[in-house]
């Protein structure tokens, strides 16, 4: 019996999917007790390979982002700090002031290979954007990306390099309008801030709000100047269910696609909005979460899928495996195949994630009121923004392909 997702499969030919993964990504370690575990990306990759999905897509190992590429968004001194700070030298006098200045410390610790981790995360997202720009793929996936809190000169929320902003800047070389959508439980503040005053990028975030990190993203947070009403925020309370979430998502994004008509889509699929997340408080099932991917895929625009939060490792792996299957129009057996991490998924060893009986604190009336405000704001957009012809900046470096038997070597 295959796992059934609630959304109807998109009609038409199968989309070309490029999938980015580096086998080193799972080796990075934020430190003992830290909830962010890059190892979850490796666990997800093992499931994706075990389901034989690698045979249906182009598997790519990203080239590492360079310091020059990172400074397309981040400040020179911040990137230089990330390049040079290590667990062995961060207590030296020359770094003491910089640690405070760049908000590096407990939540965003200095760990071994920090800069390399940023290079791989950024390289996959930018590589995916380049693939989409050159129409060499319809959907690009980088589950190691989606680190949406990082600011121009500041680490935040376990994020150091904002791979999303770098990827969107790459997309803007070819696309007049990009929509960024965030279904992580935390507000996508770093991306919103980066594009707060422009109408070339619309940011749309569905998130927990009220005494919750990062504390931003009220529904009246709408952008500024030319960017007014191009920042869309849907604040939510604890316990939001599939029915409510899918309803508001489809309503708001349906209007976004009509009013804004983006030529490319970036969807951050943070898995901490799933039921049972270690740091989360929503109550979404795998089907409810994956419905967002299915819905955005149905518009047949270039689509970049990125990771993000997610702190219950077995559920993160299940989520991104299922959403890779959505991208490929592939149904999965709900009984998980064997992998090196099979024991992580006990006692049921199944793919589905069942919502709990937690109370939904989002009343239908309140959701309706917020939705109406956001739809009015979208309705007020006077025109679809265009961009005058300008000289296109060169692409960032391309990636090299890992296919066929080489995929098995990426399991280490």
Foldseek 3Di string as FASTA:
>chain_A
DFDDFPDDFFDDDAFAEEEEDFLCQQVWDQDPPQLDGSVLVLLLLQLLVLQVVQVLYFYFYFAFDDLVLLLVQAPNVLLVCQVPDAPVPCPPPVNPVVCVVQVEDDQAHHYPCRNVLLRRQLRQLLQLLVCQLVVVGQEYEDASAQAQPAARRYADRNRHGHSVQSSVVSNVLRWQAEEEEEEAQEDSPRNCVSCQAARRYAYEYEHAEDPDPPRDFDQCSAGDHNRGNSYGGHHFHFAAELVLLLVLLCLLVVLCCVLQVTQEYEYEQEQLLDAPFPPHGYFYKLSSSLVSLSSVVNVSHRYYYYYYHTRLSVLSSLNVSVNSCSSRVHTHDQQGGDGPPQVSDDDRNGSIDHGDPDDGPDDPVNSVVSSVVSSVSSVPPPHHDGDDDDDRDDRDDHTDTQGDPSSVVSSD
